[in-house]
Amino acid sequence: MKIENILNEKFTVQVTGGEARLKYRRGPENSLDLYSTQVPPEARGQNIAEKLVLEALQFAKDEGVKVIPTCPYVHRWFEKHPEEAWRLLKPLSETSPTHGS
């Protein structure tokens, strides 16, 4: 599975049913605001969203920047992985996911 970073705005991968993507934008202190994750229904249950998150986290680490988990999926991922909180710009308790992402 090859995940691509397209135009500094999203990580994408082609899967059954189309394109899975994790969209981001630059936030305060050049952080990555991970704000929307979408996986086609036909490809759900295969950990594709998590693979996109891990790719985004590696990119952030390589860039030397922190992340903001405004996407509900990404926010839940950090709740399940508190050992990764060092990657966050602010504590998870201070970050609210946006709905409809």
Foldseek 3Di string as FASTA:
>chain_A
DDWDCPPVFWIWDADVPGIWIFGWDQDPPRATERADTDDGPVPPPVCPSVVRVVVVLVVCVVVVHAYADQAPVVLVVCVVVVVPQVRHPDGSVVGHHDPPD
